[in-house]
Amino acid sequence: MASLNPRSQPLLLTLLLSLTALPLRAEILVIVNAGSGIESMTPAQVSAIALGRNVTLPSGAQLRIVEQSTTRFIFHDFHRQITGMSRVQLNAYWARLIFSGTAKAPRRLDDDAAVIAAVSADPGLMGYVSEVPENAHTIRVVLSVESARKPAKP
């Protein structure tokens, strides 16, 4: 078995450390049921739905959001990118709506697989995930937003 040249070891270590310092990029994929008739959505439409506003899309569809768990990075990235709110701001926003009886907070699911399953089963739902399996024919990606974090593995 060959060993590394002692002079190349510091170079290899430097290379490996520099790769870990690169920013990790991932996408936030907004999904809907493939049978919903929705082909694409704007960030403004997604934000309005995420904030519980009744939005009728050009297709005539009205959607509700299913959220990811607040313990997942994608939850924070989605709201930072789409609604412009932090978790604290979002909690205060929903507390006001719930207290006034105007709306109910969205259902929160544990991970991408649970969101995909829920959206696949209900054409009235919208969700967001970090990746979509290739065999997921029951959902459609309607918006893709860059995230600054690597998606969390289930």
N, C-alpha and C. Protein backbone atom coordinates (compact mmCIF):
# COMPACT_ATOMS: atom_id res chain seq x y z
N MET A 1 0.85 -1.17 0.00
CA MET A 1 0.00 0.00 0.00
C MET A 1 0.89 1.24 0.00
N ALA A 2 0.63 2.15 -0.90
CA ALA A 2 1.45 3.35 -1.03
C ALA A 2 1.02 4.39 -0.01
N SER A 3 2.00 5.14 0.49
CA SER A 3 1.67 6.21 1.43
C SER A 3 1.92 7.55 0.76
N LEU A 4 1.37 8.58 1.33
CA LEU A 4 1.54 9.93 0.80
C LEU A 4 2.93 10.45 1.08
N ASN A 5 3.44 11.20 0.15
CA ASN A 5 4.71 11.89 0.35
C ASN A 5 4.54 12.85 1.52
N PRO A 6 5.43 12.84 2.50
CA PRO A 6 5.26 13.73 3.66
C PRO A 6 5.15 15.20 3.29
N ARG A 7 5.77 15.60 2.17
CA ARG A 7 5.68 17.00 1.75
C ARG A 7 4.31 17.33 1.17
N SER A 8 3.58 16.33 0.66
CA SER A 8 2.27 16.60 0.07
C SER A 8 1.15 16.59 1.10
N GLN A 9 1.40 16.07 2.29
CA GLN A 9 0.36 16.00 3.31
C GLN A 9 -0.17 17.39 3.72
N PRO A 10 0.70 18.40 3.98
CA PRO A 10 0.16 19.72 4.31
C PRO A 10 -0.66 20.32 3.17
N LEU A 11 -0.24 20.07 1.93
CA LEU A 11 -0.98 20.58 0.78
C LEU A 11 -2.36 19.94 0.70
N LEU A 12 -2.41 18.64 0.91
CA LEU A 12 -3.69 17.92 0.90
C LEU A 12 -4.61 18.42 2.01
N LEU A 13 -4.05 18.62 3.20
CA LEU A 13 -4.84 19.13 4.33
C LEU A 13 -5.38 20.52 4.02
N THR A 14 -4.57 21.38 3.44
CA THR A 14 -5.00 22.73 3.08
C THR A 14 -6.12 22.67 2.04
N LEU A 15 -5.99 21.80 1.06
CA LEU A 15 -7.02 21.65 0.03
C LEU A 15 -8.34 21.19 0.65
N LEU A 16 -8.28 20.19 1.51
CA LEU A 16 -9.50 19.69 2.15
C LEU A 16 -10.16 20.75 3.02
N LEU A 17 -9.38 21.50 3.77
CA LEU A 17 -9.94 22.56 4.61
C LEU A 17 -10.55 23.68 3.78
N SER A 18 -9.96 24.00 2.64
CA SER A 18 -10.51 25.07 1.81
C SER A 18 -11.83 24.65 1.19
N LEU A 19 -11.98 23.35 0.89
CA LEU A 19 -13.25 22.88 0.34
C LEU A 19 -14.38 22.96 1.36
N THR A 20 -14.07 22.73 2.62
CA THR A 20 -15.12 22.79 3.64
C THR A 20 -15.54 24.23 3.92
N ALA A 21 -14.72 25.21 3.52
CA ALA A 21 -15.06 26.61 3.76
C ALA A 21 -15.93 27.18 2.65
N LEU A 22 -16.10 26.43 1.55
CA LEU A 22 -16.94 26.93 0.46
C LEU A 22 -18.39 27.01 0.91
N PRO A 23 -19.10 28.06 0.49
CA PRO A 23 -20.51 28.14 0.88
C PRO A 23 -21.29 27.00 0.23
N LEU A 24 -22.13 26.37 1.00
CA LEU A 24 -22.95 25.29 0.49
C LEU A 24 -24.26 25.87 -0.04
N ARG A 25 -24.59 25.53 -1.25
CA ARG A 25 -25.80 26.06 -1.87
C ARG A 25 -26.80 24.93 -2.05
N ALA A 26 -28.02 25.23 -1.83
CA ALA A 26 -29.10 24.28 -2.04
C ALA A 26 -30.30 25.07 -2.52
N GLU A 27 -31.31 24.37 -2.88
CA GLU A 27 -32.52 25.03 -3.34
C GLU A 27 -33.67 24.74 -2.40
N ILE A 28 -34.58 25.68 -2.35
CA ILE A 28 -35.87 25.48 -1.70
C ILE A 28 -36.84 25.31 -2.85
N LEU A 29 -37.48 24.17 -2.91
CA LEU A 29 -38.41 23.86 -3.99
C LEU A 29 -39.83 23.93 -3.47
N VAL A 30 -40.61 24.83 -4.03
CA VAL A 30 -42.02 24.95 -3.66
C VAL A 30 -42.79 23.98 -4.55
N ILE A 31 -43.59 23.13 -3.91
CA ILE A 31 -44.29 22.07 -4.65
C ILE A 31 -45.80 22.16 -4.45
N VAL A 32 -46.52 21.68 -5.47
CA VAL A 32 -47.97 21.54 -5.40
C VAL A 32 -48.32 20.16 -5.97
N ASN A 33 -49.55 19.76 -5.79
CA ASN A 33 -50.04 18.51 -6.35
C ASN A 33 -50.05 18.64 -7.87
N ALA A 34 -49.58 17.60 -8.56
CA ALA A 34 -49.51 17.64 -10.03
C ALA A 34 -50.89 17.82 -10.66
N GLY A 35 -51.95 17.40 -9.97
CA GLY A 35 -53.30 17.54 -10.50
C GLY A 35 -53.96 18.88 -10.21
N SER A 36 -53.23 19.80 -9.60
CA SER A 36 -53.81 21.09 -9.21
C SER A 36 -54.02 22.03 -10.39
N GLY A 37 -53.35 21.77 -11.51
CA GLY A 37 -53.45 22.66 -12.66
C GLY A 37 -52.52 23.86 -12.59
N ILE A 38 -51.72 23.96 -11.54
CA ILE A 38 -50.80 25.08 -11.36
C ILE A 38 -49.46 24.71 -11.99
N GLU A 39 -48.98 25.57 -12.88
CA GLU A 39 -47.71 25.31 -13.56
C GLU A 39 -46.55 26.03 -12.89
N SER A 40 -46.78 27.25 -12.42
CA SER A 40 -45.72 28.03 -11.77
C SER A 40 -46.36 29.05 -10.83
N MET A 41 -45.54 29.58 -9.92
CA MET A 41 -46.01 30.59 -8.98
C MET A 41 -44.90 31.62 -8.79
N THR A 42 -45.30 32.81 -8.41
CA THR A 42 -44.33 33.87 -8.12
C THR A 42 -43.99 33.83 -6.63
N PRO A 43 -42.84 34.41 -6.26
CA PRO A 43 -42.54 34.48 -4.82
C PRO A 43 -43.62 35.23 -4.04
N ALA A 44 -44.23 36.25 -4.64
CA ALA A 44 -45.29 36.99 -3.94
C ALA A 44 -46.51 36.11 -3.69
N GLN A 45 -46.89 35.28 -4.64
CA GLN A 45 -48.02 34.37 -4.45
C GLN A 45 -47.71 33.36 -3.35
N VAL A 46 -46.50 32.80 -3.39
CA VAL A 46 -46.10 31.81 -2.38
C VAL A 46 -46.08 32.45 -1.00
N SER A 47 -45.55 33.67 -0.90
CA SER A 47 -45.50 34.37 0.38
C SER A 47 -46.91 34.60 0.93
N ALA A 48 -47.82 35.05 0.09
CA ALA A 48 -49.19 35.30 0.54
C ALA A 48 -49.84 34.03 1.08
N ILE A 49 -49.64 32.92 0.38
CA ILE A 49 -50.21 31.64 0.84
C ILE A 49 -49.53 31.20 2.14
N ALA A 50 -48.22 31.37 2.22
CA ALA A 50 -47.48 30.98 3.42
C ALA A 50 -47.93 31.79 4.63
N LEU A 51 -48.43 32.99 4.40
CA LEU A 51 -48.88 33.85 5.50
C LEU A 51 -50.39 33.74 5.73
N GLY A 52 -51.01 32.73 5.14
CA GLY A 52 -52.41 32.45 5.42
C GLY A 52 -53.42 33.35 4.73
N ARG A 53 -52.96 34.10 3.76
CA ARG A 53 -53.90 34.97 3.04
C ARG A 53 -54.64 34.15 2.00
N ASN A 54 -55.91 34.48 1.79
CA ASN A 54 -56.68 33.79 0.76
C ASN A 54 -56.27 34.35 -0.60
N VAL A 55 -55.57 33.55 -1.33
CA VAL A 55 -55.08 33.96 -2.65
C VAL A 55 -55.71 33.04 -3.68
N THR A 56 -56.38 33.63 -4.65
CA THR A 56 -56.89 32.86 -5.77
C THR A 56 -55.91 33.04 -6.92
N LEU A 57 -55.31 31.94 -7.34
CA LEU A 57 -54.34 31.98 -8.41
C LEU A 57 -55.04 32.11 -9.75
N PRO A 58 -54.32 32.52 -10.81
CA PRO A 58 -54.95 32.65 -12.13
C PRO A 58 -55.68 31.39 -12.59
N SER A 59 -55.24 30.22 -12.14
CA SER A 59 -55.91 28.97 -12.50
C SER A 59 -57.23 28.80 -11.75
N GLY A 60 -57.50 29.68 -10.77
CA GLY A 60 -58.70 29.57 -9.95
C GLY A 60 -58.48 28.79 -8.67
N ALA A 61 -57.29 28.23 -8.51
CA ALA A 61 -56.99 27.41 -7.34
C ALA A 61 -56.72 28.28 -6.11
N GLN A 62 -57.10 27.74 -4.96
CA GLN A 62 -56.73 28.33 -3.67
C GLN A 62 -55.96 27.26 -2.91
N LEU A 63 -54.82 27.65 -2.37
CA LEU A 63 -53.95 26.70 -1.70
C LEU A 63 -53.75 27.05 -0.24
N ARG A 64 -53.43 26.00 0.55
CA ARG A 64 -52.97 26.15 1.93
C ARG A 64 -51.57 25.57 1.99
N ILE A 65 -50.79 26.08 2.90
CA ILE A 65 -49.41 25.59 3.02
C ILE A 65 -49.29 24.54 4.11
N VAL A 66 -48.42 23.57 3.88
CA VAL A 66 -47.96 22.68 4.94
C VAL A 66 -46.50 23.05 5.15
N GLU A 67 -46.16 23.30 6.40
CA GLU A 67 -44.82 23.77 6.77
C GLU A 67 -43.92 22.61 7.13
N GLN A 68 -42.62 22.88 7.07
CA GLN A 68 -41.63 21.97 7.63
C GLN A 68 -41.52 22.27 9.12
N SER A 69 -40.95 21.36 9.85
CA SER A 69 -40.72 21.56 11.28
C SER A 69 -39.82 22.76 11.51
N THR A 70 -40.06 23.48 12.58
CA THR A 70 -39.24 24.66 12.90
C THR A 70 -37.81 24.28 13.29
N THR A 71 -37.55 23.00 13.50
CA THR A 71 -36.20 22.56 13.84
C THR A 71 -35.34 22.33 12.61
N ARG A 72 -35.92 22.43 11.43
CA ARG A 72 -35.17 22.20 10.18
C ARG A 72 -34.72 23.53 9.58
N PHE A 73 -33.52 23.53 9.03
CA PHE A 73 -32.97 24.74 8.41
C PHE A 73 -33.87 25.26 7.29
N ILE A 74 -34.50 24.35 6.55
CA ILE A 74 -35.30 24.77 5.41
C ILE A 74 -36.47 25.66 5.85
N PHE A 75 -37.01 25.43 7.04
CA PHE A 75 -38.09 26.28 7.56
C PHE A 75 -37.61 27.72 7.63
N HIS A 76 -36.45 27.92 8.24
CA HIS A 76 -35.91 29.27 8.43
C HIS A 76 -35.50 29.89 7.10
N ASP A 77 -34.88 29.10 6.22
CA ASP A 77 -34.47 29.62 4.92
C ASP A 77 -35.67 30.00 4.07
N PHE A 78 -36.70 29.16 4.08
CA PHE A 78 -37.90 29.46 3.30
C PHE A 78 -38.49 30.80 3.74
N HIS A 79 -38.67 30.97 5.03
CA HIS A 79 -39.30 32.21 5.50
C HIS A 79 -38.40 33.42 5.33
N ARG A 80 -37.11 33.24 5.46
CA ARG A 80 -36.19 34.35 5.23
C ARG A 80 -36.25 34.78 3.76
N GLN A 81 -36.27 33.80 2.86
CA GLN A 81 -36.24 34.09 1.43
C GLN A 81 -37.61 34.52 0.88
N ILE A 82 -38.67 33.89 1.34
CA ILE A 82 -40.00 34.10 0.75
C ILE A 82 -40.83 35.13 1.51
N THR A 83 -40.98 34.99 2.81
CA THR A 83 -41.83 35.92 3.55
C THR A 83 -41.04 37.08 4.14
N GLY A 84 -39.72 36.92 4.21
CA GLY A 84 -38.88 37.97 4.80
C GLY A 84 -38.99 38.04 6.32
N MET A 85 -39.49 36.97 6.93
CA MET A 85 -39.69 36.96 8.38
C MET A 85 -38.78 35.96 9.06
N SER A 86 -38.36 36.32 10.27
CA SER A 86 -37.63 35.38 11.12
C SER A 86 -38.66 34.50 11.84
N ARG A 87 -38.18 33.50 12.54
CA ARG A 87 -39.09 32.63 13.30
C ARG A 87 -39.86 33.44 14.35
N VAL A 88 -39.19 34.35 15.03
CA VAL A 88 -39.84 35.17 16.07
C VAL A 88 -40.93 36.04 15.44
N GLN A 89 -40.63 36.68 14.32
CA GLN A 89 -41.62 37.52 13.65
C GLN A 89 -42.80 36.68 13.17
N LEU A 90 -42.51 35.51 12.64
CA LEU A 90 -43.56 34.62 12.16
C LEU A 90 -44.46 34.15 13.30
N ASN A 91 -43.85 33.80 14.43
CA ASN A 91 -44.65 33.38 15.59
C ASN A 91 -45.57 34.51 16.06
N ALA A 92 -45.06 35.73 16.10
CA ALA A 92 -45.89 36.88 16.51
C ALA A 92 -47.01 37.12 15.49
N TYR A 93 -46.70 36.99 14.22
CA TYR A 93 -47.69 37.18 13.15
C TYR A 93 -48.84 36.17 13.32
N TRP A 94 -48.49 34.89 13.48
CA TRP A 94 -49.52 33.86 13.62
C TRP A 94 -50.28 33.99 14.94
N ALA A 95 -49.62 34.41 16.00
CA ALA A 95 -50.30 34.60 17.28
C ALA A 95 -51.41 35.64 17.14
N ARG A 96 -51.12 36.73 16.43
CA ARG A 96 -52.15 37.76 16.21
C ARG A 96 -53.33 37.21 15.42
N LEU A 97 -53.05 36.47 14.35
CA LEU A 97 -54.12 35.93 13.51
C LEU A 97 -54.96 34.90 14.26
N ILE A 98 -54.30 34.05 15.03
CA ILE A 98 -55.01 33.02 15.78
C ILE A 98 -55.85 33.65 16.89
N PHE A 99 -55.28 34.61 17.60
CA PHE A 99 -55.99 35.29 18.69
C PHE A 99 -57.23 36.02 18.17
N SER A 100 -57.10 36.63 17.00
CA SER A 100 -58.24 37.38 16.44
C SER A 100 -59.25 36.47 15.77
N GLY A 101 -58.92 35.19 15.61
CA GLY A 101 -59.83 34.25 14.97
C GLY A 101 -59.81 34.36 13.46
N THR A 102 -58.85 35.08 12.91
CA THR A 102 -58.78 35.31 11.47
C THR A 102 -58.28 34.09 10.71
N ALA A 103 -57.38 33.32 11.32
CA ALA A 103 -56.78 32.18 10.61
C ALA A 103 -56.30 31.14 11.61
N LYS A 104 -56.02 29.95 11.05
CA LYS A 104 -55.40 28.88 11.83
C LYS A 104 -53.97 28.72 11.33
N ALA A 105 -53.06 28.43 12.24
CA ALA A 105 -51.66 28.22 11.86
C ALA A 105 -51.55 27.00 10.95
N PRO A 106 -50.62 27.02 10.03
CA PRO A 106 -50.46 25.87 9.14
C PRO A 106 -49.96 24.64 9.88
N ARG A 107 -50.29 23.50 9.33
CA ARG A 107 -49.82 22.22 9.87
C ARG A 107 -48.32 22.10 9.60
N ARG A 108 -47.58 21.61 10.57
CA ARG A 108 -46.14 21.42 10.43
C ARG A 108 -45.82 19.93 10.37
N LEU A 109 -45.00 19.58 9.40
CA LEU A 109 -44.61 18.19 9.20
C LEU A 109 -43.12 18.01 9.44
N ASP A 110 -42.71 16.78 9.69
CA ASP A 110 -41.35 16.50 10.14
C ASP A 110 -40.25 16.68 9.10
N ASP A 111 -40.53 16.35 7.84
CA ASP A 111 -39.45 16.35 6.87
C ASP A 111 -39.99 16.42 5.43
N ASP A 112 -39.05 16.41 4.47
CA ASP A 112 -39.42 16.48 3.06
C ASP A 112 -40.40 15.38 2.67
N ALA A 113 -40.12 14.15 3.11
CA ALA A 113 -40.97 13.01 2.73
C ALA A 113 -42.41 13.21 3.20
N ALA A 114 -42.59 13.72 4.40
CA ALA A 114 -43.94 13.95 4.92
C ALA A 114 -44.65 15.06 4.14
N VAL A 115 -43.92 16.10 3.77
CA VAL A 115 -44.50 17.20 2.98
C VAL A 115 -44.90 16.68 1.60
N ILE A 116 -44.02 15.91 0.97
CA ILE A 116 -44.32 15.35 -0.35
C ILE A 116 -45.55 14.45 -0.28
N ALA A 117 -45.65 13.61 0.74
CA ALA A 117 -46.80 12.72 0.90
C ALA A 117 -48.09 13.52 1.07
N ALA A 118 -48.05 14.57 1.89
CA ALA A 118 -49.26 15.37 2.13
C ALA A 118 -49.69 16.11 0.86
N VAL A 119 -48.75 16.73 0.17
CA VAL A 119 -49.07 17.47 -1.06
C VAL A 119 -49.55 16.51 -2.15
N SER A 120 -48.96 15.32 -2.22
CA SER A 120 -49.37 14.32 -3.20
C SER A 120 -50.82 13.89 -2.98
N ALA A 121 -51.25 13.88 -1.75
CA ALA A 121 -52.60 13.39 -1.40
C ALA A 121 -53.67 14.47 -1.48
N ASP A 122 -53.29 15.76 -1.56
CA ASP A 122 -54.29 16.83 -1.49
C ASP A 122 -53.96 17.95 -2.49
N PRO A 123 -54.78 18.11 -3.53
CA PRO A 123 -54.52 19.15 -4.53
C PRO A 123 -54.66 20.58 -3.99
N GLY A 124 -55.14 20.73 -2.76
CA GLY A 124 -55.29 22.05 -2.16
C GLY A 124 -54.11 22.47 -1.31
N LEU A 125 -53.03 21.67 -1.32
CA LEU A 125 -51.88 21.99 -0.48
C LEU A 125 -50.67 22.43 -1.31
N MET A 126 -49.87 23.26 -0.67
CA MET A 126 -48.57 23.68 -1.21
C MET A 126 -47.57 23.41 -0.10
N GLY A 127 -46.35 23.03 -0.46
CA GLY A 127 -45.31 22.81 0.52
C GLY A 127 -43.97 23.20 -0.05
N TYR A 128 -42.94 23.02 0.74
CA TYR A 128 -41.59 23.29 0.26
C TYR A 128 -40.66 22.21 0.77
N VAL A 129 -39.71 21.84 -0.07
CA VAL A 129 -38.78 20.77 0.23
C VAL A 129 -37.39 21.13 -0.26
N SER A 130 -36.40 20.38 0.19
CA SER A 130 -35.03 20.64 -0.26
C SER A 130 -34.68 19.83 -1.50
N GLU A 131 -35.36 18.73 -1.72
CA GLU A 131 -35.17 17.95 -2.94
C GLU A 131 -36.40 17.11 -3.21
N VAL A 132 -36.57 16.79 -4.50
CA VAL A 132 -37.72 16.00 -4.92
C VAL A 132 -37.19 14.70 -5.52
N PRO A 133 -37.69 13.56 -5.06
CA PRO A 133 -37.25 12.29 -5.64
C PRO A 133 -37.63 12.23 -7.13
N GLU A 134 -36.81 11.54 -7.91
CA GLU A 134 -37.07 11.44 -9.34
C GLU A 134 -38.38 10.75 -9.66
N ASN A 135 -38.83 9.86 -8.80
CA ASN A 135 -40.06 9.11 -9.06
C ASN A 135 -41.31 9.79 -8.49
N ALA A 136 -41.20 11.03 -8.10
CA ALA A 136 -42.34 11.75 -7.52
C ALA A 136 -43.17 12.39 -8.63
N HIS A 137 -44.05 11.61 -9.22
CA HIS A 137 -44.87 12.09 -10.35
C HIS A 137 -46.16 12.75 -9.90
N THR A 138 -46.45 12.70 -8.62
CA THR A 138 -47.71 13.26 -8.12
C THR A 138 -47.58 14.70 -7.66
N ILE A 139 -46.36 15.25 -7.75
CA ILE A 139 -46.16 16.65 -7.36
C ILE A 139 -45.46 17.41 -8.49
N ARG A 140 -45.55 18.73 -8.41
CA ARG A 140 -44.90 19.59 -9.41
C ARG A 140 -44.16 20.71 -8.68
N VAL A 141 -42.95 20.98 -9.10
CA VAL A 141 -42.19 22.11 -8.57
C VAL A 141 -42.66 23.36 -9.31
N VAL A 142 -43.15 24.36 -8.55
CA VAL A 142 -43.69 25.58 -9.16
C VAL A 142 -42.81 26.80 -8.92
N LEU A 143 -41.84 26.67 -8.02
CA LEU A 143 -40.91 27.76 -7.75
C LEU A 143 -39.66 27.18 -7.12
N SER A 144 -38.52 27.68 -7.53
CA SER A 144 -37.25 27.26 -6.96
C SER A 144 -36.51 28.50 -6.48
N VAL A 145 -36.08 28.48 -5.22
CA VAL A 145 -35.40 29.62 -4.62
C VAL A 145 -34.08 29.12 -4.04
N GLU A 146 -33.01 29.86 -4.25
CA GLU A 146 -31.72 29.45 -3.72
C GLU A 146 -31.67 29.64 -2.22
N SER A 147 -31.10 28.66 -1.56
CA SER A 147 -30.89 28.71 -0.12
C SER A 147 -29.39 28.74 0.12
N ALA A 148 -28.98 29.32 1.22
CA ALA A 148 -27.55 29.39 1.53
C ALA A 148 -27.09 28.21 2.36
N ARG A 149 -27.96 27.27 2.63
CA ARG A 149 -27.60 26.14 3.48
C ARG A 149 -27.73 24.83 2.73
N LYS A 150 -26.98 23.86 3.19
CA LYS A 150 -27.09 22.52 2.67
C LYS A 150 -28.35 21.91 3.28
N PRO A 151 -29.16 21.21 2.48
CA PRO A 151 -30.37 20.62 3.04
C PRO A 151 -30.06 19.60 4.14
N ALA A 152 -30.87 19.61 5.17
CA ALA A 152 -30.71 18.64 6.25
C ALA A 152 -31.17 17.28 5.77
N LYS A 153 -30.45 16.27 6.14
CA LYS A 153 -30.82 14.91 5.77
C LYS A 153 -31.84 14.38 6.78
N PRO A 154 -32.84 13.66 6.28
CA PRO A 154 -33.85 13.12 7.21
C PRO A 154 -33.28 12.11 8.16
